[in-house]
Amino acid sequence: MKNHTKQSSSDSLTIDRSLLPKDNKDRTMNCFTYAFMWIGDGMNLGNMTLGASLVVAGVATMNIFQTFVATFIAILIITTIFVFNDRLGYRTGIPYVVQLRMSFGIKGAIISSLLRGIPAIVWYGFQSWIGATALNEIIKILSNGEFNQVFICFLVLQFFQIALSLYGFHAIKWVETLISVVILCALIYVFILLLNNHQAIIIDKWVKPEGTWGLPFYGFIMMFLGNYAAIFLSAADYSRELKSGFSNRKRGLLYFLPIFIAYGFIITIGVMLASVTGNSNPVKAFAIVVDNTYITLVVSTFIVLGTIAVNIVANIIPPAYVITLLTKANYKLAVTITGLLAIASFPWILVQDTSAQGLGLFILIYSAFLGPIVAILLVEYYLLRRQQININALYDNKGQFAGYNPAAILAMLIGSAAAFYEVSLSWVVGFFVGGISYILLTKYAFKQSLFKKGTIFEKR
C-alpha cells in the first residue's frame, strides 16, 4: 500500500466525523451487498427507456450483437474509471469531497463539490416526483379512484426516503438488495413472456437487421457513459464503505458484473418492448404487451422501487456530504436538509413539457464539468503524486492544501468549454482536454505554486 497516513490532526475537530477516513471495522458493505447496490441503481424505468431509444420506426438501429458490444464497451470504460477513481477512497476511507482537496485545494473543492451536489439534489426531487406520480396511480387503483393527490404522495415518498437515508449505507445495503431481487424477478417474468409470445417479431426487428456501427453505435456508448458520469466521479463515497481485502481486479468485477446484469436486462427488455409494440414509452408498451387489468399497478410499483433505488445511491449521499462539508452539520441533519432541498427544487415544474428545454440546458451545463473534474483527479493522484498523499494534510485548513489550486480550476474551465464545443461527445472531450490542460498548466504555468509542493514535477 502506498503512503497514506490516517487523520489525527486537531483540525479534524472542525469537520463532521462522517467525512473523516473510515476504518475497515466501520465499513458496512461486503461484496454481495456492494454488488446488489449497483444492480439496484441500474434497475429503473429511465434505463429501460435507453434501450427503447434504439428502436426507430419499429426497427432497432443496432442489432442484438451490436447492442451488446456497445454495452460491453461502455461498461468496460465505466468499470475502468470506477476502479481508478475509487482507489483512494477505498484505501484511505475518505469521501469524494475530501478527495477533491487533493487537486482543487480546500477552498477550491467547494466549487467542484457543488457541481456534483446541486445536480444530485435536482435529480433527487425530479426522480421523487416521477415516483410519486406512480405511487398516486397505485393508491388510485386500490381506492377505486377516490384518491388522486400527487403532491401528497410526493411528500410521503420524500419523507420515507429521508427516513431511509438517515441510516446511511446500513439502509442502502438492505434496501438495494431487496429492490434488486424483486425487480430482477419481475424482469425475468417479462423477458420470458416476451420471448414466448413475440419471439418472431423480436428476431425480425432486433436480431436479423443489419444494424449500424456508425453514429448510433457511438452515440449509445456516450449516452451510457452519461448515465454514470456523476456517479463514478464520486466513486470514493461508495468505495469507502466496502470492506478491505479486494484487489483492483476484484473491485472491477464488483462494478462490471452488477452493472452488466442490470443494464443487460433492462436494455434488453426496453428494446424488446419497443420492437414488439412500436412504442418507445415503456409504461405504454407494458400495457400493450401484458394482458392484465392491473398492469398499471405492476408498472407503477416498478417505478416507485426504481426511484428509491436510484435516489438512495446516486442522489442522496453525495450532496449530503457536500452539505456536511459546507455547514459542518452532522450526517443525519445533512441528509434531512438534502431531502428538503429536493422538495424545494420544484420538480412538479421541471417535469412539465414547457420546462424540457431549460432542464436540458441544465443537464448540458453541469455534465460539461464532470469529465474534466474526474480527469483532474486521476492526473493528480496517478501522474503527479504517484499514489502518494498525506491524508492528514487534506484535513489541515492551514496546511499545504489551504486555499485553491488555480491550475485545477483553469483546467476544469478549459475542459468544460471544449465539452460545450462538441456536445455529442461532451464527456469524452471534456475528460481528455481537461486532463491534458491540467498536466500542462501544472508542469509549466503553475510549476512553482506552493500548492504543488511535493508533487512529481517539483521533484524533477
Protein backbone atom coordinates (compact mmCIF):
# COMPACT_ATOMS: atom_id res chain seq x y z
CA MET A 1 0.00 0.00 0.00
CA LYS A 2 1.17 3.48 -0.77
CA ASN A 3 1.99 6.20 1.72
CA HIS A 4 -1.45 7.04 3.10
CA THR A 5 -1.49 8.27 6.68
CA LYS A 6 -4.55 8.43 8.88
CA GLN A 7 -6.12 11.66 10.03
CA SER A 8 -5.19 12.63 13.56
CA SER A 9 -4.80 16.39 13.30
CA SER A 10 -6.66 18.67 15.66
CA ASP A 11 -8.17 20.29 12.58
CA SER A 12 -10.36 17.21 12.26
CA LEU A 13 -12.41 18.65 15.14
CA THR A 14 -13.75 21.27 12.72
CA ILE A 15 -15.25 18.68 10.39
CA ASP A 16 -18.04 16.18 11.00
CA ARG A 17 -16.93 12.62 11.74
CA SER A 18 -18.85 11.34 8.69
CA LEU A 19 -16.18 12.97 6.48
CA LEU A 20 -13.21 11.50 8.36
CA PRO A 21 -11.38 8.45 6.97
CA LYS A 22 -13.27 5.19 7.58
CA ASP A 23 -11.55 2.23 9.21
CA ASN A 24 -12.35 -1.23 7.95
CA LYS A 25 -14.36 -2.01 11.11
CA ASP A 26 -16.66 0.93 10.36
CA ARG A 27 -17.39 -0.11 6.77
CA THR A 28 -20.79 -1.60 6.05
CA MET A 29 -20.66 -3.26 2.62
CA ASN A 30 -19.42 -6.72 1.69
CA CYS A 31 -19.05 -7.99 -1.87
CA PHE A 32 -22.68 -9.14 -2.15
CA THR A 33 -24.34 -6.01 -0.80
CA TYR A 34 -21.97 -3.83 -2.83
CA ALA A 35 -22.87 -5.72 -5.99
CA PHE A 36 -26.61 -5.54 -5.28
CA MET A 37 -26.28 -1.80 -4.70
CA TRP A 38 -25.15 -1.35 -8.32
CA ILE A 39 -27.78 -3.76 -9.62
CA GLY A 40 -30.49 -1.79 -7.81
CA ASP A 41 -29.12 1.50 -9.09
CA GLY A 42 -29.38 0.31 -12.71
CA MET A 43 -32.89 -1.16 -12.45
CA ASN A 44 -35.13 1.78 -13.29
CA LEU A 45 -37.50 2.94 -15.99
CA GLY A 46 -35.11 5.61 -17.29
CA ASN A 47 -32.55 2.98 -18.23
CA MET A 48 -35.24 0.88 -19.87
CA THR A 49 -36.03 3.92 -21.99
CA LEU A 50 -32.35 3.95 -23.02
CA GLY A 51 -32.88 0.53 -24.61
CA ALA A 52 -36.18 1.58 -26.17
CA SER A 53 -34.46 4.57 -27.78
CA LEU A 54 -32.57 2.16 -30.04
CA VAL A 55 -35.81 1.35 -31.86
CA VAL A 56 -36.73 3.79 -34.63
CA ALA A 57 -39.80 3.28 -36.84
CA GLY A 58 -40.34 -0.14 -35.26
CA VAL A 59 -36.86 -1.48 -36.12
CA ALA A 60 -33.75 -1.37 -33.94
CA THR A 61 -30.95 0.87 -35.26
CA MET A 62 -28.45 -1.72 -33.96
CA ASN A 63 -28.91 -5.47 -34.00
CA ILE A 64 -28.59 -7.57 -30.86
CA PHE A 65 -24.87 -8.21 -31.36
CA GLN A 66 -24.05 -4.53 -31.88
CA THR A 67 -26.21 -3.57 -28.89
CA PHE A 68 -24.31 -5.84 -26.54
CA VAL A 69 -20.92 -4.90 -27.99
CA ALA A 70 -21.73 -1.22 -27.34
CA THR A 71 -22.99 -2.12 -23.86
CA PHE A 72 -19.84 -4.13 -23.14
CA ILE A 73 -17.56 -1.28 -24.28
CA ALA A 74 -19.47 1.32 -22.26
CA ILE A 75 -19.47 -0.78 -19.09
CA LEU A 76 -15.80 -1.60 -19.55
CA ILE A 77 -14.99 2.13 -19.70
CA ILE A 78 -17.22 2.79 -16.69
CA THR A 79 -15.57 -0.02 -14.73
CA THR A 80 -12.08 1.25 -15.57
CA ILE A 81 -12.88 4.76 -14.37
CA PHE A 82 -14.56 3.41 -11.24
CA VAL A 83 -11.55 1.28 -10.30
CA PHE A 84 -9.08 4.11 -10.88
CA ASN A 85 -11.13 6.81 -9.17
CA ASP A 86 -12.38 4.71 -6.25
CA ARG A 87 -8.89 3.60 -5.21
CA LEU A 88 -8.04 6.50 -2.92
CA GLY A 89 -11.39 6.29 -1.14
CA TYR A 90 -11.09 2.51 -0.82
CA ARG A 91 -7.55 2.60 0.56
CA THR A 92 -7.97 5.50 2.96
CA GLY A 93 -11.71 5.77 3.64
CA ILE A 94 -12.01 9.43 2.65
CA PRO A 95 -15.11 10.71 0.79
CA TYR A 96 -15.21 12.47 -2.56
CA VAL A 97 -15.47 15.99 -1.09
CA VAL A 98 -12.15 15.44 0.72
CA GLN A 99 -10.57 13.74 -2.30
CA LEU A 100 -11.26 16.93 -4.27
CA ARG A 101 -8.97 18.89 -1.94
CA MET A 102 -6.02 16.95 -3.30
CA SER A 103 -6.41 18.70 -6.67
CA PHE A 104 -8.51 21.82 -6.07
CA GLY A 105 -7.47 22.81 -2.55
CA ILE A 106 -9.74 23.20 0.48
CA LYS A 107 -11.48 26.31 -0.87
CA GLY A 108 -11.40 25.20 -4.48
CA ALA A 109 -13.04 21.91 -3.54
CA ILE A 110 -16.16 23.81 -2.51
CA ILE A 111 -16.77 24.87 -6.12
CA SER A 112 -16.15 21.44 -7.63
CA SER A 113 -18.17 19.64 -4.95
CA LEU A 114 -21.19 21.85 -5.65
CA LEU A 115 -21.03 20.77 -9.31
CA ARG A 116 -21.76 17.25 -8.07
CA GLY A 117 -24.10 18.15 -5.20
CA ILE A 118 -26.53 20.60 -6.79
CA PRO A 119 -27.47 18.42 -9.82
CA ALA A 120 -27.96 15.44 -7.49
CA ILE A 121 -30.45 17.41 -5.39
CA VAL A 122 -32.36 18.47 -8.52
CA TRP A 123 -32.47 14.87 -9.76
CA TYR A 124 -33.48 13.70 -6.29
CA GLY A 125 -36.57 15.88 -6.48
CA PHE A 126 -37.22 15.07 -10.14
CA GLN A 127 -37.00 11.29 -9.63
CA SER A 128 -39.13 11.50 -6.48
CA TRP A 129 -41.88 13.35 -8.34
CA ILE A 130 -41.92 10.65 -11.04
CA GLY A 131 -42.07 8.04 -8.29
CA ALA A 132 -44.84 9.97 -6.55
CA THR A 133 -46.87 10.03 -9.77
CA ALA A 134 -46.59 6.23 -9.89
CA LEU A 135 -47.44 5.92 -6.18
CA ASN A 136 -50.53 8.06 -6.78
CA GLU A 137 -51.62 5.64 -9.51
CA ILE A 138 -51.21 2.68 -7.15
CA ILE A 139 -53.34 4.31 -4.44
CA LYS A 140 -55.89 5.47 -7.01
CA ILE A 141 -56.36 1.87 -8.20
CA LEU A 142 -56.57 0.47 -4.68
CA SER A 143 -59.08 3.17 -3.64
CA ASN A 144 -61.20 2.75 -6.79
CA GLY A 145 -60.38 6.25 -7.97
CA GLU A 146 -61.28 8.04 -4.74
CA PHE A 147 -57.69 9.23 -4.15
CA ASN A 148 -55.80 11.45 -6.58
CA GLN A 149 -53.22 13.62 -4.80
CA VAL A 150 -49.78 13.50 -6.42
CA PHE A 151 -48.30 16.18 -4.17
CA ILE A 152 -49.28 14.30 -1.01
CA CYS A 153 -47.71 11.14 -2.48
CA PHE A 154 -44.60 13.16 -3.26
CA LEU A 155 -44.28 14.34 0.34
CA VAL A 156 -44.91 10.83 1.69
CA LEU A 157 -42.31 9.31 -0.64
CA GLN A 158 -39.83 12.08 0.08
CA PHE A 159 -40.07 11.76 3.85
CA PHE A 160 -39.86 7.98 3.54
CA GLN A 161 -36.61 8.34 1.58
CA ILE A 162 -35.29 10.85 4.14
CA ALA A 163 -36.03 8.34 6.90
CA LEU A 164 -34.19 5.60 5.00
CA SER A 165 -31.22 7.83 4.27
CA LEU A 166 -30.77 8.60 7.99
CA TYR A 167 -29.34 5.09 8.31
CA GLY A 168 -26.81 5.69 5.55
CA PHE A 169 -25.22 2.66 3.96
CA HIS A 170 -26.73 0.39 6.61
CA ALA A 171 -30.08 1.06 4.91
CA ILE A 172 -28.65 1.04 1.40
CA LYS A 173 -27.28 -2.48 1.66
CA TRP A 174 -30.65 -3.94 2.66
CA VAL A 175 -32.95 -1.73 0.59
CA GLU A 176 -30.92 -2.13 -2.60
CA THR A 177 -30.65 -5.91 -2.16
CA LEU A 178 -34.40 -6.27 -1.65
CA ILE A 179 -35.30 -3.99 -4.55
CA SER A 180 -32.77 -5.71 -6.84
CA VAL A 181 -34.22 -9.16 -6.17
CA VAL A 182 -37.83 -8.02 -6.62
CA ILE A 183 -37.17 -6.13 -9.85
CA LEU A 184 -34.93 -8.87 -11.28
CA CYS A 185 -37.68 -11.44 -10.75
CA ALA A 186 -40.22 -9.14 -12.41
CA LEU A 187 -37.95 -8.54 -15.40
CA ILE A 188 -37.26 -12.25 -15.82
CA TYR A 189 -41.01 -12.81 -15.95
CA VAL A 190 -41.46 -10.09 -18.59
CA PHE A 191 -38.49 -11.43 -20.58
CA ILE A 192 -39.97 -14.96 -20.68
CA LEU A 193 -43.38 -13.55 -21.57
CA LEU A 194 -41.98 -11.53 -24.48
CA LEU A 195 -39.86 -14.41 -25.71
CA ASN A 196 -42.73 -16.90 -25.63
CA ASN A 197 -45.36 -14.67 -27.23
CA HIS A 198 -43.39 -12.39 -29.57
CA GLN A 199 -40.23 -14.27 -30.48
CA ALA A 200 -40.71 -13.96 -34.24
CA ILE A 201 -41.19 -10.17 -34.11
CA ILE A 202 -38.16 -9.69 -31.87
CA ILE A 203 -35.96 -11.79 -34.16
CA ASP A 204 -37.21 -9.92 -37.21
CA LYS A 205 -36.76 -6.41 -35.78
CA TRP A 206 -33.73 -6.77 -33.49
CA VAL A 207 -31.80 -9.96 -34.20
CA LYS A 208 -31.88 -10.08 -38.00
CA PRO A 209 -31.43 -6.41 -39.02
CA GLU A 210 -28.02 -5.45 -40.36
CA GLY A 211 -27.84 -2.52 -37.96
CA THR A 212 -25.05 0.05 -37.93
CA TRP A 213 -21.60 0.52 -36.45
CA GLY A 214 -21.80 4.24 -37.14
CA LEU A 215 -23.00 7.24 -35.13
CA PRO A 216 -25.89 5.43 -33.36
CA PHE A 217 -23.37 2.89 -32.05
CA TYR A 218 -21.03 5.52 -30.61
CA GLY A 219 -23.93 7.72 -29.54
CA PHE A 220 -25.31 4.86 -27.46
CA ILE A 221 -21.94 4.45 -25.71
CA MET A 222 -21.87 8.20 -24.98
CA MET A 223 -25.40 8.07 -23.51
CA PHE A 224 -24.36 5.11 -21.41
CA LEU A 225 -21.34 6.99 -20.07
CA GLY A 226 -23.54 10.00 -19.39
CA ASN A 227 -25.69 7.89 -17.08
CA TYR A 228 -22.66 7.21 -14.86
CA ALA A 229 -20.72 10.46 -15.31
CA ALA A 230 -21.76 11.84 -11.93
CA ILE A 231 -21.64 8.53 -10.05
CA PHE A 232 -18.10 7.43 -10.90
CA LEU A 233 -16.93 10.99 -10.26
CA SER A 234 -17.81 10.49 -6.58
CA ALA A 235 -16.68 6.84 -6.55
CA ALA A 236 -14.87 7.36 -3.23
CA ASP A 237 -18.21 7.92 -1.48
CA TYR A 238 -19.07 4.28 -2.22
CA SER A 239 -15.71 2.52 -2.09
CA ARG A 240 -15.00 3.85 1.41
CA GLU A 241 -17.92 1.69 2.59
CA LEU A 242 -16.55 -1.53 1.05
CA LYS A 243 -14.73 -3.91 3.38
CA SER A 244 -10.99 -4.17 2.74
CA GLY A 245 -9.34 -7.15 1.06
CA PHE A 246 -10.44 -6.61 -2.55
CA SER A 247 -7.81 -6.21 -5.23
CA ASN A 248 -8.28 -3.81 -8.13
CA ARG A 249 -9.35 -6.73 -10.31
CA LYS A 250 -11.93 -7.95 -7.80
CA ARG A 251 -13.32 -4.47 -7.32
CA GLY A 252 -13.54 -4.17 -11.08
CA LEU A 253 -15.73 -7.27 -11.15
CA LEU A 254 -17.89 -5.76 -8.40
CA TYR A 255 -18.66 -2.93 -10.81
CA PHE A 256 -18.66 -4.70 -14.17
CA LEU A 257 -20.82 -7.75 -13.40
CA PRO A 258 -23.65 -5.99 -11.49
CA ILE A 259 -23.86 -3.13 -13.99
CA PHE A 260 -23.81 -5.58 -16.90
CA ILE A 261 -26.54 -7.69 -15.29
CA ALA A 262 -28.70 -4.66 -14.53
CA TYR A 263 -28.25 -2.91 -17.85
CA GLY A 264 -28.18 -6.11 -19.88
CA PHE A 265 -31.63 -6.99 -18.59
CA ILE A 266 -33.12 -3.52 -18.56
CA ILE A 267 -31.88 -2.59 -22.04
CA THR A 268 -32.95 -5.94 -23.46
CA ILE A 269 -36.47 -5.52 -22.08
CA GLY A 270 -36.56 -1.95 -23.41
CA VAL A 271 -35.57 -2.98 -26.95
CA MET A 272 -37.89 -5.97 -26.96
CA LEU A 273 -40.88 -3.94 -25.77
CA ALA A 274 -40.29 -1.19 -28.31
CA SER A 275 -39.76 -3.74 -31.11
CA VAL A 276 -42.98 -5.58 -30.31
CA THR A 277 -45.20 -2.53 -29.73
CA GLY A 278 -43.50 0.20 -31.77
CA ASN A 279 -43.81 2.41 -28.69
CA SER A 280 -40.67 3.82 -27.06
CA ASN A 281 -42.51 4.65 -23.83
CA PRO A 282 -42.00 1.56 -21.61
CA VAL A 283 -45.10 2.28 -19.50
CA LYS A 284 -47.38 2.33 -22.55
CA ALA A 285 -45.53 -0.61 -24.09
CA PHE A 286 -46.08 -2.69 -20.95
CA ALA A 287 -49.80 -2.00 -21.09
CA ILE A 288 -49.93 -3.28 -24.68
CA VAL A 289 -47.87 -6.44 -24.10
CA VAL A 290 -49.12 -7.64 -20.72
CA ASP A 291 -52.82 -8.53 -20.81
CA ASN A 292 -53.61 -7.68 -17.21
CA THR A 293 -56.12 -5.21 -15.85
CA TYR A 294 -53.69 -4.35 -13.07
CA ILE A 295 -50.70 -3.70 -15.33
CA THR A 296 -50.66 -0.07 -14.19
CA LEU A 297 -50.29 -1.30 -10.62
CA VAL A 298 -47.35 -3.52 -11.54
CA VAL A 299 -45.56 -0.90 -13.65
CA SER A 300 -46.17 1.81 -11.05
CA THR A 301 -44.68 -0.39 -8.35
CA PHE A 302 -41.63 -0.90 -10.56
CA ILE A 303 -41.28 2.87 -10.98
CA VAL A 304 -41.57 3.55 -7.24
CA LEU A 305 -38.98 0.90 -6.34
CA GLY A 306 -36.65 2.12 -9.10
CA THR A 307 -36.98 5.70 -7.84
CA ILE A 308 -35.96 4.73 -4.31
CA ALA A 309 -33.08 2.57 -5.58
CA VAL A 310 -31.62 5.36 -7.73
CA ASN A 311 -32.08 8.16 -5.22
CA ILE A 312 -30.65 6.37 -2.23
CA VAL A 313 -27.44 5.54 -4.12
CA ALA A 314 -26.86 8.40 -6.55
CA ASN A 315 -28.80 11.43 -5.35
CA ILE A 316 -28.72 11.47 -1.54
CA ILE A 317 -25.27 10.52 -0.20
CA PRO A 318 -23.10 12.82 -2.42
CA PRO A 319 -25.00 16.09 -1.77
CA ALA A 320 -25.32 15.20 1.92
CA TYR A 321 -21.53 15.06 2.17
CA VAL A 322 -21.31 18.43 0.40
CA ILE A 323 -23.77 19.97 2.88
CA THR A 324 -21.80 18.46 5.77
CA LEU A 325 -18.61 19.96 4.35
CA LEU A 326 -20.10 23.43 3.92
CA THR A 327 -22.20 23.68 7.09
CA LYS A 328 -20.43 21.26 9.45
CA ALA A 329 -23.85 19.68 10.05
CA ASN A 330 -23.82 16.06 11.15
CA TYR A 331 -24.75 13.37 8.62
CA LYS A 332 -28.37 12.88 9.73
CA LEU A 333 -29.09 16.58 9.59
CA ALA A 334 -27.35 16.82 6.19
CA VAL A 335 -29.49 14.09 4.57
CA THR A 336 -32.60 15.71 6.01
CA ILE A 337 -31.59 19.07 4.52
CA THR A 338 -30.87 17.29 1.23
CA GLY A 339 -34.38 15.86 1.16
CA LEU A 340 -35.96 19.22 1.97
CA LEU A 341 -33.91 20.96 -0.73
CA ALA A 342 -35.11 18.34 -3.21
CA ILE A 343 -38.67 19.35 -2.36
CA ALA A 344 -37.71 23.00 -2.82
CA SER A 345 -36.34 22.25 -6.31
CA PHE A 346 -39.99 22.36 -7.56
CA PRO A 347 -39.86 19.07 -9.51
CA TRP A 348 -43.55 19.41 -10.44
CA ILE A 349 -42.45 22.31 -12.65
CA LEU A 350 -39.39 20.51 -14.06
CA VAL A 351 -41.47 17.57 -15.34
CA GLN A 352 -43.68 19.80 -17.47
CA ASP A 353 -43.12 19.88 -21.23
CA THR A 354 -42.55 23.64 -21.08
CA SER A 355 -39.57 23.02 -18.78
CA ALA A 356 -37.92 20.44 -21.03
CA GLN A 357 -35.66 22.94 -22.79
CA GLY A 358 -34.48 24.52 -19.53
CA LEU A 359 -33.88 21.12 -17.93
CA GLY A 360 -31.94 20.01 -20.99
CA LEU A 361 -29.77 23.13 -20.77
CA PHE A 362 -29.16 22.46 -17.07
CA ILE A 363 -28.04 18.88 -17.83
CA LEU A 364 -25.77 20.12 -20.61
CA ILE A 365 -24.11 22.73 -18.37
CA TYR A 366 -23.32 20.56 -15.36
CA SER A 367 -22.39 17.50 -17.45
CA ALA A 368 -19.70 19.51 -19.22
CA PHE A 369 -17.81 19.87 -15.92
CA LEU A 370 -17.92 16.22 -14.88
CA GLY A 371 -15.41 14.84 -17.41
CA PRO A 372 -12.73 17.46 -16.66
CA ILE A 373 -13.07 17.02 -12.88
CA VAL A 374 -12.61 13.26 -12.92
CA ALA A 375 -9.65 13.66 -15.32
CA ILE A 376 -8.03 16.18 -12.98
CA LEU A 377 -8.45 13.82 -10.01
CA LEU A 378 -6.88 10.92 -11.91
CA VAL A 379 -3.98 13.00 -13.25
CA GLU A 380 -3.27 14.35 -9.77
CA TYR A 381 -3.32 11.01 -7.98
CA TYR A 382 -1.62 8.78 -10.54
CA LEU A 383 0.68 11.00 -12.60
CA LEU A 384 1.60 13.87 -10.31
CA ARG A 385 1.57 12.24 -6.88
CA ARG A 386 2.19 8.64 -7.93
CA GLN A 387 -0.47 7.49 -5.44
CA GLN A 388 1.40 9.09 -2.51
CA ILE A 389 -0.66 11.53 -0.48
CA ASN A 390 -0.57 12.67 3.14
CA ILE A 391 -4.19 12.26 4.21
CA ASN A 392 -3.66 14.38 7.32
CA ALA A 393 -2.79 17.35 5.10
CA LEU A 394 -6.17 17.14 3.35
CA TYR A 395 -7.83 17.95 6.68
CA ASP A 396 -5.42 20.71 7.69
CA ASN A 397 -7.12 24.04 6.98
CA LYS A 398 -3.81 25.90 7.33
CA GLY A 399 -1.59 23.42 5.56
CA GLN A 400 -0.43 22.59 2.06
CA PHE A 401 -3.93 22.35 0.61
CA ALA A 402 -5.32 25.56 2.07
CA GLY A 403 -6.85 27.93 -0.47
CA TYR A 404 -7.38 26.84 -4.04
CA ASN A 405 -5.33 25.47 -6.91
CA PRO A 406 -5.59 27.80 -9.96
CA ALA A 407 -4.29 25.08 -12.31
CA ALA A 408 -7.18 22.75 -11.44
CA ILE A 409 -9.86 25.42 -11.73
CA LEU A 410 -8.50 26.71 -15.03
CA ALA A 411 -8.15 23.18 -16.44
CA MET A 412 -11.74 22.44 -15.41
CA LEU A 413 -12.97 25.53 -17.24
CA ILE A 414 -10.93 24.75 -20.37
CA GLY A 415 -12.19 21.16 -20.41
CA SER A 416 -15.81 22.20 -19.93
CA ALA A 417 -15.52 24.81 -22.70
CA ALA A 418 -14.26 22.09 -25.05
CA ALA A 419 -17.16 19.86 -23.96
CA PHE A 420 -19.64 22.60 -24.91
CA TYR A 421 -17.99 22.85 -28.32
CA GLU A 422 -18.67 19.19 -29.14
CA VAL A 423 -21.88 18.35 -27.29
CA SER A 424 -22.36 14.86 -28.76
CA LEU A 425 -19.04 13.76 -27.25
CA SER A 426 -19.07 16.18 -24.32
CA TRP A 427 -17.89 13.84 -21.57
CA VAL A 428 -15.04 12.32 -23.57
CA VAL A 429 -13.88 15.66 -24.98
CA GLY A 430 -14.04 17.33 -21.58
CA PHE A 431 -12.19 14.42 -19.96
CA PHE A 432 -9.21 14.47 -22.32
CA VAL A 433 -8.98 18.23 -22.77
CA GLY A 434 -9.33 18.83 -19.02
CA GLY A 435 -6.73 16.20 -18.15
CA ILE A 436 -4.17 17.38 -20.71
CA SER A 437 -4.73 21.01 -19.72
CA TYR A 438 -4.11 20.15 -16.09
CA ILE A 439 -0.83 18.41 -16.88
CA LEU A 440 0.41 21.34 -18.98
CA LEU A 441 -0.72 24.01 -16.52
CA THR A 442 0.84 22.18 -13.58
CA LYS A 443 4.09 21.47 -15.36
CA TYR A 444 4.60 24.91 -16.89
CA ALA A 445 2.25 27.73 -15.84
CA PHE A 446 1.98 26.87 -12.12
CA LYS A 447 5.13 24.84 -11.57
CA GLN A 448 6.32 26.99 -8.67
CA SER A 449 2.98 27.03 -6.84
CA LEU A 450 3.31 26.21 -3.14
CA PHE A 451 0.12 24.22 -3.52
CA LYS A 452 2.04 21.74 -5.63
CA LYS A 453 4.77 21.21 -3.06
CA GLY A 454 5.78 17.58 -3.08
CA THR A 455 4.39 16.61 -6.47
CA ILE A 456 6.38 14.67 -9.02
CA PHE A 457 7.03 17.78 -11.13
CA GLU A 458 8.76 19.56 -8.27
CA LYS A 459 10.92 16.52 -7.56
CA ARG A 460 12.36 16.58 -11.07
